[in-house]
């Protein structure tokens, strides 16, 4: 799955906005890269019952959620909706 395919699946209907915003905003581009990396790490993490592993997975899930919210806020920003 390409980076574009991943983001098209995660944020349907926003491919053009995402691409344009990532091209002009390096901080947003890094947020997107971090989201993709943490999402992949969470998806590939072994589902262990140990307390340490459970906490690690919870931290990853929280990070994914926070990064996703940051991306969604930027996509809803007035200067981005007219892209």
N, C-alpha and C. Protein backbone atom coordinates (compact mmCIF):
# COMPACT_ATOMS: atom_id res chain seq x y z
N UNK A 1 0.86 -1.18 0.00
CA UNK A 1 0.00 0.00 0.00
C UNK A 1 0.90 1.24 0.00
N UNK A 2 0.65 2.12 -0.93
CA UNK A 2 1.43 3.35 -0.99
C UNK A 2 0.96 4.33 0.08
N UNK A 3 1.78 5.34 0.30
CA UNK A 3 1.43 6.40 1.24
C UNK A 3 0.11 7.05 0.84
N UNK A 4 -0.05 7.32 -0.43
CA UNK A 4 -1.29 7.94 -0.92
C UNK A 4 -2.50 7.04 -0.69
N UNK A 5 -2.34 5.74 -0.95
CA UNK A 5 -3.43 4.79 -0.71
C UNK A 5 -3.81 4.73 0.76
N UNK A 6 -2.78 4.72 1.62
CA UNK A 6 -3.02 4.68 3.06
C UNK A 6 -3.86 5.87 3.49
N UNK A 7 -3.45 7.07 3.08
CA UNK A 7 -4.18 8.27 3.51
C UNK A 7 -5.55 8.38 2.85
N UNK A 8 -5.68 7.88 1.63
CA UNK A 8 -7.00 7.87 0.98
C UNK A 8 -7.96 6.96 1.75
N UNK A 9 -7.45 5.86 2.28
CA UNK A 9 -8.28 4.95 3.06
C UNK A 9 -8.59 5.52 4.44
N UNK A 10 -7.63 6.20 5.05
CA UNK A 10 -7.80 6.74 6.39
C UNK A 10 -8.66 8.00 6.42
N UNK A 11 -8.54 8.82 5.38
CA UNK A 11 -9.25 10.10 5.31
C UNK A 11 -9.94 10.21 3.96
N UNK A 12 -11.01 9.45 3.75
CA UNK A 12 -11.68 9.41 2.44
C UNK A 12 -12.13 10.80 1.97
N UNK A 13 -11.93 11.02 0.69
CA UNK A 13 -12.38 12.27 0.06
C UNK A 13 -11.49 13.46 0.30
N UNK A 14 -10.33 13.26 0.92
CA UNK A 14 -9.46 14.39 1.23
C UNK A 14 -8.09 14.28 0.58
N UNK A 15 -7.93 13.37 -0.37
CA UNK A 15 -6.60 13.11 -0.96
C UNK A 15 -5.97 14.39 -1.50
N UNK A 16 -6.72 15.17 -2.24
CA UNK A 16 -6.16 16.40 -2.82
C UNK A 16 -5.78 17.40 -1.73
N UNK A 17 -6.66 17.59 -0.76
CA UNK A 17 -6.38 18.51 0.35
C UNK A 17 -5.14 18.07 1.12
N UNK A 18 -5.08 16.79 1.44
CA UNK A 18 -3.95 16.26 2.20
C UNK A 18 -2.64 16.48 1.44
N UNK A 19 -2.65 16.14 0.18
CA UNK A 19 -1.44 16.27 -0.64
C UNK A 19 -1.00 17.73 -0.73
N UNK A 20 -1.93 18.63 -0.97
CA UNK A 20 -1.59 20.05 -1.09
C UNK A 20 -1.08 20.61 0.23
N UNK A 21 -1.73 20.26 1.32
CA UNK A 21 -1.31 20.76 2.63
C UNK A 21 0.05 20.19 3.03
N UNK A 22 0.28 18.93 2.75
CA UNK A 22 1.58 18.33 3.07
C UNK A 22 2.69 18.99 2.26
N UNK A 23 2.40 19.36 1.03
CA UNK A 23 3.42 19.97 0.17
C UNK A 23 3.82 21.37 0.65
N UNK A 24 2.87 22.08 1.24
CA UNK A 24 3.19 23.46 1.63
C UNK A 24 3.47 23.64 3.12
N UNK A 25 3.20 22.62 3.94
CA UNK A 25 3.37 22.75 5.39
C UNK A 25 4.20 21.57 5.90
N UNK A 26 5.48 21.82 6.15
CA UNK A 26 6.38 20.75 6.58
C UNK A 26 5.99 20.16 7.93
N UNK A 27 5.46 20.98 8.83
CA UNK A 27 5.02 20.46 10.13
C UNK A 27 3.86 19.50 9.96
N UNK A 28 2.90 19.86 9.11
CA UNK A 28 1.77 18.98 8.83
C UNK A 28 2.25 17.70 8.16
N UNK A 29 3.20 17.83 7.24
CA UNK A 29 3.76 16.66 6.58
C UNK A 29 4.37 15.71 7.61
N UNK A 30 5.06 16.25 8.61
CA UNK A 30 5.66 15.42 9.66
C UNK A 30 4.58 14.75 10.52
N UNK A 31 3.51 15.47 10.79
CA UNK A 31 2.39 14.89 11.56
C UNK A 31 1.82 13.70 10.79
N UNK A 32 1.66 13.86 9.48
CA UNK A 32 1.14 12.77 8.65
C UNK A 32 2.10 11.58 8.64
N UNK A 33 3.39 11.86 8.50
CA UNK A 33 4.39 10.78 8.51
C UNK A 33 4.38 10.05 9.85
N UNK A 34 4.28 10.81 10.93
CA UNK A 34 4.22 10.21 12.27
C UNK A 34 2.97 9.35 12.42
N UNK A 35 1.83 9.86 11.93
CA UNK A 35 0.58 9.11 12.00
C UNK A 35 0.72 7.76 11.29
N UNK A 36 1.27 7.81 10.09
CA UNK A 36 1.43 6.58 9.31
C UNK A 36 2.34 5.60 10.03
N UNK A 37 3.44 6.08 10.58
CA UNK A 37 4.40 5.23 11.28
C UNK A 37 3.79 4.61 12.55
N UNK A 38 3.14 5.42 13.36
CA UNK A 38 2.56 4.91 14.61
C UNK A 38 1.40 3.97 14.32
N UNK A 39 0.59 4.29 13.31
CA UNK A 39 -0.52 3.43 12.92
C UNK A 39 0.01 2.06 12.51
N UNK A 40 1.06 2.04 11.70
CA UNK A 40 1.67 0.79 11.24
C UNK A 40 2.23 0.01 12.43
N UNK A 41 2.89 0.71 13.35
CA UNK A 41 3.46 0.06 14.53
C UNK A 41 2.35 -0.57 15.37
N UNK A 42 1.24 0.12 15.54
CA UNK A 42 0.11 -0.41 16.30
C UNK A 42 -0.48 -1.63 15.60
N UNK A 43 -0.62 -1.55 14.29
CA UNK A 43 -1.21 -2.66 13.53
C UNK A 43 -0.33 -3.91 13.58
N UNK A 44 0.98 -3.72 13.63
CA UNK A 44 1.90 -4.85 13.60
C UNK A 44 2.32 -5.34 14.99
N UNK A 45 1.94 -4.62 16.03
CA UNK A 45 2.35 -4.99 17.39
C UNK A 45 1.70 -6.30 17.80
N UNK A 46 2.48 -7.17 18.43
CA UNK A 46 1.89 -8.43 18.92
C UNK A 46 0.86 -8.14 20.00
N UNK A 47 -0.23 -8.84 19.94
CA UNK A 47 -1.33 -8.64 20.89
C UNK A 47 -1.11 -9.53 22.12
N UNK A 48 -0.23 -9.10 22.99
CA UNK A 48 0.14 -9.86 24.20
C UNK A 48 -0.74 -9.44 25.36
N UNK A 49 -0.86 -10.34 26.31
CA UNK A 49 -1.69 -10.06 27.49
C UNK A 49 -0.88 -9.45 28.63
N UNK A 50 0.43 -9.28 28.47
CA UNK A 50 1.23 -8.73 29.56
C UNK A 50 0.86 -7.27 29.82
N UNK A 51 1.01 -6.86 31.06
CA UNK A 51 0.68 -5.49 31.45
C UNK A 51 1.51 -4.46 30.72
N UNK A 52 2.78 -4.75 30.54
CA UNK A 52 3.67 -3.82 29.85
C UNK A 52 3.24 -3.67 28.39
N UNK A 53 2.94 -4.78 27.75
CA UNK A 53 2.51 -4.74 26.34
C UNK A 53 1.17 -4.02 26.22
N UNK A 54 0.27 -4.27 27.15
CA UNK A 54 -1.04 -3.61 27.11
C UNK A 54 -0.88 -2.09 27.23
N UNK A 55 0.00 -1.64 28.11
CA UNK A 55 0.23 -0.20 28.28
C UNK A 55 0.84 0.40 27.02
N UNK A 56 1.79 -0.33 26.44
CA UNK A 56 2.44 0.10 25.20
C UNK A 56 1.40 0.25 24.08
N UNK A 57 0.51 -0.72 23.94
CA UNK A 57 -0.52 -0.65 22.91
C UNK A 57 -1.48 0.50 23.18
N UNK A 58 -1.80 0.73 24.44
CA UNK A 58 -2.68 1.84 24.79
C UNK A 58 -2.02 3.18 24.44
N UNK A 59 -0.72 3.28 24.70
CA UNK A 59 0.02 4.51 24.36
C UNK A 59 0.04 4.72 22.84
N UNK A 60 0.26 3.64 22.09
CA UNK A 60 0.25 3.75 20.63
C UNK A 60 -1.13 4.19 20.13
N UNK A 61 -2.17 3.59 20.68
CA UNK A 61 -3.54 3.94 20.27
C UNK A 61 -3.85 5.40 20.58
N UNK A 62 -3.40 5.87 21.73
CA UNK A 62 -3.61 7.28 22.09
C UNK A 62 -2.84 8.20 21.14
N UNK A 63 -1.63 7.82 20.78
CA UNK A 63 -0.84 8.62 19.85
C UNK A 63 -1.51 8.68 18.47
N UNK A 64 -2.01 7.54 18.01
CA UNK A 64 -2.71 7.51 16.72
C UNK A 64 -3.92 8.44 16.76
N UNK A 65 -4.68 8.37 17.85
CA UNK A 65 -5.86 9.21 18.00
C UNK A 65 -5.50 10.70 18.00
N UNK A 66 -4.47 11.06 18.75
CA UNK A 66 -4.05 12.46 18.82
C UNK A 66 -3.57 12.96 17.46
N UNK A 67 -2.77 12.15 16.77
CA UNK A 67 -2.27 12.55 15.45
C UNK A 67 -3.42 12.66 14.45
N UNK A 68 -4.35 11.72 14.50
CA UNK A 68 -5.51 11.76 13.61
C UNK A 68 -6.32 13.04 13.85
N UNK A 69 -6.53 13.37 15.11
CA UNK A 69 -7.26 14.60 15.43
C UNK A 69 -6.55 15.82 14.88
N UNK A 70 -5.23 15.86 14.98
CA UNK A 70 -4.46 16.99 14.45
C UNK A 70 -4.63 17.10 12.94
N UNK A 71 -4.62 15.97 12.26
CA UNK A 71 -4.80 15.97 10.81
C UNK A 71 -6.21 16.44 10.46
N UNK A 72 -7.21 15.92 11.15
CA UNK A 72 -8.59 16.31 10.85
C UNK A 72 -8.84 17.79 11.10
N UNK A 73 -8.25 18.34 12.14
CA UNK A 73 -8.40 19.77 12.42
C UNK A 73 -7.83 20.59 11.25
N UNK A 74 -6.66 20.21 10.78
CA UNK A 74 -6.04 20.92 9.66
C UNK A 74 -6.89 20.79 8.39
N UNK A 75 -7.45 19.64 8.16
CA UNK A 75 -8.27 19.43 6.97
C UNK A 75 -9.56 20.24 7.00
N UNK A 76 -10.03 20.53 8.20
CA UNK A 76 -11.27 21.34 8.34
C UNK A 76 -10.98 22.84 8.41
N UNK A 77 -9.73 23.20 8.49
CA UNK A 77 -9.36 24.63 8.60
C UNK A 77 -9.87 25.37 7.35
N UNK A 78 -10.37 26.59 7.55
CA UNK A 78 -10.92 27.36 6.43
C UNK A 78 -9.98 27.53 5.24
N UNK A 79 -8.69 27.71 5.49
CA UNK A 79 -7.76 27.92 4.39
C UNK A 79 -7.43 26.63 3.64
N UNK A 80 -7.86 25.50 4.16
CA UNK A 80 -7.60 24.22 3.51
C UNK A 80 -8.80 23.72 2.72
N UNK A 81 -10.01 24.12 3.07
CA UNK A 81 -11.21 23.58 2.47
C UNK A 81 -11.42 24.05 1.04
N UNK A 82 -10.75 25.09 0.63
CA UNK A 82 -10.89 25.57 -0.73
C UNK A 82 -9.80 25.08 -1.67
N UNK A 83 -9.00 24.12 -1.25
CA UNK A 83 -7.91 23.60 -2.08
C UNK A 83 -8.47 22.84 -3.25
